[in-house]
Amino acid sequence: MSTHNIEKDQLTKNEFQFLEQTQCLSESISRPSTTYWQDAWRRLKKNKVAIVALCILSFIIIMCLIGPYLTPYEYNIGEVSNNNEPPSKEHWFGTDSLGRDIFTRVWMGGRVSIGIGIIGAIIDIIIGLTYGGISAYFGGKVDNIMMRIVETLVSIPYLVVVVLVSLIIGQGLLSLIIAMTITGWCHMARLVRGQVLQIKQQEYILAARALGTSPVRIIAQHLIPNTIGVMVVAATFDIPSFIFGEAFLSYIGLGVQSPMTSWGAMASSAQQHMMFYPYQLFFPALLISLTMLSFQLLGDGLRDALDPKLRE
């Protein structure tokens, strides 16, 4: 290569641009650090369907709390002269066959139905988490015996349990909750057991064992916190199943008894007059459907948001 070409290819200082050494750009953070729950909330907000379901659920729960106080009527007292009135300015949802205001009764019944769903889900989480965590952690014969007990409980027909509990305790909210949770926790126990079986093989669990950490502390501080995401998702699917179970049992006369009401009890009483007064069945059926659908859609959104594999 000639000397002329070499000199032509050489770079001069004027072709460079010097930057101020104010900070080390190579060590800058590309995005702010977020916790697991902050990242889950960020992803949940991107799911428009789940957010709409959350707004609907929030509205229904708020109305269950304040709805009975928006009218001057009592949920269990009515005037026979005002029976079977269609929706009007005085009675926004109409009245039933005993002249009771349906608007007030719908939101009072929502307290019972949603309350049973939430209480049932909490009981399922507590029992299923404890039982499934112990079974998976110890494994071996302990796991086999405990899982056979679960399979035995699951094999018992649901209606048989409800009838037996109603005969022993009597009909009412307490017997209804006991009947629905006496075997309802089995699914949660299986779910927790599967998660714990995966987590307990991780290196930090083996290190905790090597350091002499007690099994109770390992379960409480390492295994249970790592199953919270799965339990939250499972609870959002458990609540609508409890609401539907309560509605079904109240519909066939094994659930909430008068003068207390629920959405299922209102649907049962309105079924007799459905041909002539369909609005009496429309409102409790609509709220049952909306609540169950919203919980299902919210559960789908939470399942995607809490999945660490989908974290960006």
Protein backbone atom coordinates (compact mmCIF):
# COMPACT_ATOMS: atom_id res chain seq x y z
CA MET A 1 0.00 0.00 0.00
CA SER A 2 1.36 3.38 -0.91
CA THR A 3 2.31 6.05 1.61
CA HIS A 4 -0.36 8.32 0.16
CA ASN A 5 -3.17 5.84 0.93
CA ILE A 6 -1.90 5.26 4.49
CA GLU A 7 -1.92 8.97 5.24
CA LYS A 8 -5.39 9.27 3.72
CA ASP A 9 -6.80 6.48 5.96
CA GLN A 10 -5.40 7.95 9.18
CA LEU A 11 -7.93 9.63 11.53
CA THR A 12 -7.49 13.08 12.96
CA LYS A 13 -8.56 14.50 16.33
CA ASN A 14 -11.23 16.61 14.68
CA GLU A 15 -13.16 13.49 13.74
CA PHE A 16 -13.70 12.55 17.41
CA GLN A 17 -16.19 14.02 19.87
CA PHE A 18 -15.26 13.93 23.56
CA LEU A 19 -18.02 13.36 26.13
CA GLU A 20 -18.06 14.77 29.63
CA GLN A 21 -17.19 12.19 32.28
CA THR A 22 -20.12 13.07 34.54
CA GLN A 23 -21.33 9.51 35.10
CA CYS A 24 -20.54 6.00 34.07
CA LEU A 25 -23.14 5.17 31.44
CA SER A 26 -22.17 1.52 31.41
CA GLU A 27 -23.34 1.15 35.01
CA SER A 28 -26.64 3.02 34.63
CA ILE A 29 -29.82 1.10 35.50
CA SER A 30 -31.93 0.37 32.45
CA ARG A 31 -35.18 0.29 34.50
CA PRO A 32 -36.07 0.96 38.14
CA SER A 33 -35.91 -1.97 40.54
CA THR A 34 -39.31 -3.32 41.56
CA THR A 35 -40.43 -5.94 44.02
CA TYR A 36 -42.33 -9.07 43.05
CA TRP A 37 -45.71 -7.61 44.07
CA GLN A 38 -45.05 -4.26 42.40
CA ASP A 39 -44.19 -6.01 39.17
CA ALA A 40 -47.29 -8.21 39.48
CA TRP A 41 -49.50 -5.14 39.94
CA ARG A 42 -47.86 -3.49 36.92
CA ARG A 43 -48.65 -6.49 34.75
CA LEU A 44 -52.16 -6.81 36.16
CA LYS A 45 -52.91 -3.19 35.21
CA LYS A 46 -52.06 -4.03 31.59
CA ASN A 47 -54.81 -6.68 31.59
CA LYS A 48 -57.88 -4.56 30.80
CA VAL A 49 -60.34 -7.42 31.28
CA ALA A 50 -59.04 -8.16 34.78
CA ILE A 51 -59.17 -4.47 35.73
CA VAL A 52 -62.79 -4.21 34.53
CA ALA A 53 -63.63 -7.33 36.56
CA LEU A 54 -61.92 -5.80 39.60
CA CYS A 55 -63.96 -2.59 39.20
CA ILE A 56 -67.21 -4.57 38.93
CA LEU A 57 -66.35 -6.56 42.05
CA SER A 58 -65.44 -3.38 43.93
CA PHE A 59 -68.77 -1.81 42.96
CA ILE A 60 -70.75 -4.89 44.05
CA ILE A 61 -68.94 -5.11 47.38
CA ILE A 62 -69.41 -1.39 48.07
CA MET A 63 -73.10 -1.65 47.25
CA CYS A 64 -73.45 -4.65 49.56
CA LEU A 65 -72.05 -2.48 52.35
CA ILE A 66 -74.04 0.70 51.73
CA GLY A 67 -76.96 -0.49 49.57
CA PRO A 68 -79.34 -1.45 52.40
CA TYR A 69 -78.99 2.06 53.83
CA LEU A 70 -79.91 3.83 50.58
CA THR A 71 -83.61 3.05 51.01
CA PRO A 72 -85.90 3.54 54.03
CA TYR A 73 -87.09 -0.08 53.90
CA GLU A 74 -86.08 -3.07 56.04
CA TYR A 75 -84.93 -6.17 54.20
CA ASN A 76 -87.15 -8.50 56.29
CA ILE A 77 -90.23 -6.30 56.70
CA GLY A 78 -92.77 -5.52 53.99
CA GLU A 79 -96.33 -4.42 53.43
CA VAL A 80 -98.73 -6.94 51.91
CA SER A 81 -100.55 -4.14 50.13
CA ASN A 82 -97.35 -3.43 48.13
CA ASN A 83 -96.63 -7.01 47.13
CA ASN A 84 -95.35 -7.89 43.64
CA GLU A 85 -94.93 -4.29 42.55
CA PRO A 86 -92.76 -3.71 39.46
CA PRO A 87 -89.67 -1.46 39.64
CA SER A 88 -90.64 2.15 40.35
CA LYS A 89 -89.36 5.33 41.99
CA GLU A 90 -90.42 4.06 45.41
CA HIS A 91 -89.07 0.53 44.94
CA TRP A 92 -86.16 0.62 42.49
CA PHE A 93 -86.08 -3.15 41.93
CA GLY A 94 -89.73 -3.76 42.79
CA THR A 95 -91.14 -5.82 45.68
CA ASP A 96 -91.58 -9.53 46.33
CA SER A 97 -94.68 -11.53 47.19
CA LEU A 98 -94.60 -10.26 50.79
CA GLY A 99 -94.14 -6.61 49.85
CA ARG A 100 -90.45 -6.47 50.81
CA ASP A 101 -88.15 -4.14 48.87
CA ILE A 102 -86.03 -6.20 46.47
CA PHE A 103 -83.29 -3.55 46.19
CA THR A 104 -82.63 -3.71 49.93
CA ARG A 105 -82.85 -7.50 50.01
CA VAL A 106 -80.50 -7.95 47.05
CA TRP A 107 -77.66 -6.05 48.70
CA MET A 108 -78.32 -7.61 52.09
CA GLY A 109 -78.28 -11.01 50.44
CA GLY A 110 -75.02 -10.07 48.74
CA ARG A 111 -73.42 -9.63 52.15
CA VAL A 112 -74.32 -13.22 53.01
CA SER A 113 -73.34 -14.74 49.66
CA ILE A 114 -70.01 -12.91 49.27
CA GLY A 115 -69.27 -13.29 52.99
CA ILE A 116 -69.72 -17.06 52.77
CA GLY A 117 -67.46 -17.14 49.71
CA ILE A 118 -64.68 -15.15 51.39
CA ILE A 119 -64.90 -17.02 54.71
CA GLY A 120 -64.91 -20.36 52.92
CA ALA A 121 -61.86 -19.39 50.84
CA ILE A 122 -59.97 -18.26 53.96
CA ILE A 123 -60.72 -21.54 55.74
CA ASP A 124 -59.62 -23.47 52.65
CA ILE A 125 -56.34 -21.55 52.50
CA ILE A 126 -55.53 -22.04 56.19
CA ILE A 127 -56.31 -25.77 56.30
CA GLY A 128 -55.02 -26.57 52.80
CA LEU A 129 -51.80 -24.61 53.30
CA THR A 130 -51.01 -26.28 56.61
CA TYR A 131 -51.97 -29.78 55.53
CA GLY A 132 -50.37 -29.64 52.07
CA GLY A 133 -47.19 -27.99 53.35
CA ILE A 134 -46.62 -30.61 56.07
CA SER A 135 -47.40 -33.48 53.70
CA ALA A 136 -44.98 -32.33 51.00
CA TYR A 137 -42.17 -31.30 53.34
CA PHE A 138 -41.90 -34.60 55.21
CA GLY A 139 -42.79 -36.80 52.22
CA GLY A 140 -42.45 -40.59 52.31
CA LYS A 141 -44.96 -42.46 54.45
CA VAL A 142 -46.30 -39.24 55.96
CA ASP A 143 -47.12 -37.90 52.51
CA ASN A 144 -48.73 -41.16 51.40
CA ILE A 145 -50.96 -41.42 54.47
CA MET A 146 -52.02 -37.78 54.37
CA MET A 147 -52.83 -37.90 50.64
CA ARG A 148 -54.89 -41.07 51.05
CA ILE A 149 -56.95 -39.23 53.67
CA VAL A 150 -57.51 -36.39 51.20
CA GLU A 151 -58.61 -38.81 48.48
CA THR A 152 -61.05 -40.44 50.90
CA LEU A 153 -62.61 -37.09 51.79
CA VAL A 154 -62.89 -36.06 48.13
CA SER A 155 -64.73 -39.30 47.29
CA ILE A 156 -67.59 -38.46 49.70
CA PRO A 157 -70.58 -37.03 47.76
CA TYR A 158 -71.06 -33.32 48.37
CA LEU A 159 -74.81 -33.43 49.04
CA VAL A 160 -74.39 -36.27 51.55
CA VAL A 161 -72.02 -34.12 53.59
CA VAL A 162 -74.42 -31.17 53.47
CA VAL A 163 -77.40 -33.26 54.58
CA LEU A 164 -75.45 -34.90 57.42
CA VAL A 165 -74.13 -31.58 58.71
CA SER A 166 -77.62 -30.04 58.50
CA LEU A 167 -79.07 -32.94 60.50
CA ILE A 168 -76.36 -32.78 63.18
CA ILE A 169 -75.95 -29.01 63.57
CA GLY A 170 -79.16 -27.73 62.05
CA GLN A 171 -79.76 -25.43 59.12
CA GLY A 172 -78.14 -22.00 59.10
CA LEU A 173 -75.02 -20.12 58.12
CA LEU A 174 -72.72 -22.08 60.45
CA SER A 175 -73.76 -25.47 59.14
CA LEU A 176 -73.59 -24.17 55.57
CA ILE A 177 -69.99 -22.97 55.97
CA ILE A 178 -68.95 -26.21 57.72
CA ALA A 179 -70.60 -28.35 55.06
CA MET A 180 -68.88 -26.52 52.20
CA THR A 181 -65.42 -26.39 53.80
CA ILE A 182 -65.27 -29.85 55.40
CA THR A 183 -63.98 -31.24 52.10
CA GLY A 184 -63.42 -28.01 50.13
CA TRP A 185 -59.84 -27.58 51.40
CA CYS A 186 -58.66 -30.80 49.73
CA HIS A 187 -58.04 -29.12 46.37
CA MET A 188 -56.02 -26.37 48.04
CA ALA A 189 -53.96 -28.97 49.94
CA ARG A 190 -53.11 -30.77 46.70
CA LEU A 191 -52.16 -27.51 45.04
CA VAL A 192 -49.89 -26.44 47.91
CA ARG A 193 -48.34 -29.90 48.09
CA GLY A 194 -47.37 -29.73 44.41
CA GLN A 195 -45.76 -26.31 44.85
CA VAL A 196 -43.86 -27.31 48.00
CA LEU A 197 -42.54 -30.46 46.33
CA GLN A 198 -40.96 -28.26 43.67
CA ILE A 199 -39.65 -25.58 46.03
CA LYS A 200 -38.12 -27.85 48.67
CA GLN A 201 -35.55 -29.13 46.16
CA GLN A 202 -34.10 -25.63 45.70
CA GLU A 203 -30.58 -24.88 46.91
CA TYR A 204 -31.57 -22.38 49.60
CA ILE A 205 -33.87 -24.96 51.22
CA LEU A 206 -31.02 -27.50 51.28
CA ALA A 207 -28.75 -24.82 52.75
CA ALA A 208 -31.28 -24.06 55.48
CA ARG A 209 -31.45 -27.75 56.36
CA ALA A 210 -27.66 -27.99 56.45
CA LEU A 211 -27.54 -25.07 58.86
CA GLY A 212 -29.85 -26.95 61.23
CA THR A 213 -32.99 -24.82 60.69
CA SER A 214 -36.07 -26.47 62.19
CA PRO A 215 -38.74 -27.83 59.79
CA VAL A 216 -41.37 -25.48 61.22
CA ARG A 217 -39.18 -22.45 60.49
CA ILE A 218 -38.37 -23.66 56.97
CA ILE A 219 -42.07 -24.15 56.21
CA ALA A 220 -43.06 -20.80 57.72
CA GLN A 221 -40.24 -18.63 56.31
CA HIS A 222 -39.36 -20.25 52.99
CA LEU A 223 -42.01 -22.62 51.69
CA ILE A 224 -45.25 -20.82 52.58
CA PRO A 225 -44.23 -17.35 51.28
CA ASN A 226 -43.31 -18.89 47.92
CA THR A 227 -46.77 -20.42 47.54
CA ILE A 228 -48.71 -17.21 48.28
CA GLY A 229 -49.07 -16.32 44.61
CA VAL A 230 -50.61 -19.68 43.78
CA MET A 231 -52.95 -19.48 46.78
CA VAL A 232 -54.17 -16.01 45.83
CA VAL A 233 -55.08 -17.25 42.35
CA ALA A 234 -56.74 -20.39 43.77
CA ALA A 235 -58.74 -18.29 46.24
CA THR A 236 -60.18 -16.16 43.42
CA PHE A 237 -61.49 -19.37 41.86
CA ASP A 238 -62.69 -20.78 45.20
CA ILE A 239 -64.84 -17.76 46.10
CA PRO A 240 -67.21 -18.08 43.08
CA SER A 241 -67.52 -21.82 43.69
CA PHE A 242 -68.60 -21.13 47.27
CA ILE A 243 -71.05 -18.45 46.10
CA PHE A 244 -72.56 -20.86 43.58
CA GLY A 245 -72.62 -23.65 46.18
CA GLU A 246 -74.47 -21.41 48.63
CA ALA A 247 -76.92 -20.34 45.91
CA PHE A 248 -77.57 -23.94 44.93
CA LEU A 249 -78.09 -25.14 48.50
CA SER A 250 -80.34 -22.18 49.31
CA TYR A 251 -82.27 -22.86 46.11
CA ILE A 252 -83.06 -26.43 47.17
CA GLY A 253 -83.87 -25.36 50.74
CA LEU A 254 -80.68 -26.48 52.52
CA GLY A 255 -79.04 -23.08 52.79
CA VAL A 256 -79.93 -19.73 54.32
CA GLN A 257 -83.25 -19.73 56.12
CA SER A 258 -85.79 -16.92 56.46
CA PRO A 259 -85.83 -14.14 57.62
CA MET A 260 -82.14 -14.00 56.61
CA THR A 261 -81.67 -13.88 52.86
CA SER A 262 -79.06 -14.49 50.19
CA TRP A 263 -78.95 -14.41 46.42
CA GLY A 264 -79.70 -18.12 46.26
CA ALA A 265 -82.62 -17.83 48.68
CA MET A 266 -84.05 -14.91 46.69
CA ALA A 267 -83.75 -16.88 43.44
CA SER A 268 -85.49 -19.85 45.08
CA SER A 269 -88.45 -17.76 46.25
CA ALA A 270 -88.68 -15.85 42.94
CA GLN A 271 -88.73 -19.04 40.89
CA GLN A 272 -92.32 -19.70 41.92
CA HIS A 273 -93.43 -16.38 40.38
CA MET A 274 -91.02 -16.27 37.42
CA MET A 275 -93.73 -16.43 34.75
CA PHE A 276 -95.61 -13.39 36.08
CA TYR A 277 -92.89 -11.39 37.89
CA PRO A 278 -89.58 -12.16 36.16
CA TYR A 279 -87.84 -9.12 37.67
CA GLN A 280 -87.85 -10.84 41.06
CA LEU A 281 -85.51 -13.50 39.65
CA PHE A 282 -83.59 -11.24 37.28
CA PHE A 283 -81.71 -9.12 39.84
CA PRO A 284 -80.33 -11.87 42.14
CA ALA A 285 -79.49 -14.05 39.12
CA LEU A 286 -77.71 -11.12 37.44
CA LEU A 287 -75.60 -10.39 40.52
CA ILE A 288 -74.70 -14.05 40.99
CA SER A 289 -73.56 -14.23 37.35
CA LEU A 290 -71.64 -10.95 37.44
CA THR A 291 -69.87 -11.82 40.69
CA MET A 292 -68.84 -15.30 39.57
CA LEU A 293 -67.72 -14.08 36.13
CA SER A 294 -65.73 -11.20 37.62
CA PHE A 295 -63.92 -13.47 40.07
CA GLN A 296 -63.08 -15.89 37.26
CA LEU A 297 -61.72 -13.13 35.00
CA LEU A 298 -59.78 -11.59 37.88
CA GLY A 299 -58.34 -15.00 38.70
CA ASP A 300 -57.14 -15.41 35.11
CA GLY A 301 -55.48 -12.00 35.27
CA LEU A 302 -53.82 -12.74 38.60
CA ARG A 303 -52.57 -16.08 37.33
CA ASP A 304 -50.73 -14.31 34.50
CA ALA A 305 -49.55 -11.43 36.67
CA LEU A 306 -48.17 -13.62 39.48
CA ASP A 307 -46.38 -16.07 37.19
CA PRO A 308 -42.65 -15.32 37.58
CA LYS A 309 -41.92 -16.99 34.22
CA LEU A 310 -43.80 -14.20 32.44
CA ARG A 311 -41.84 -11.41 34.17
CA GLU A 312 -40.29 -9.05 31.68
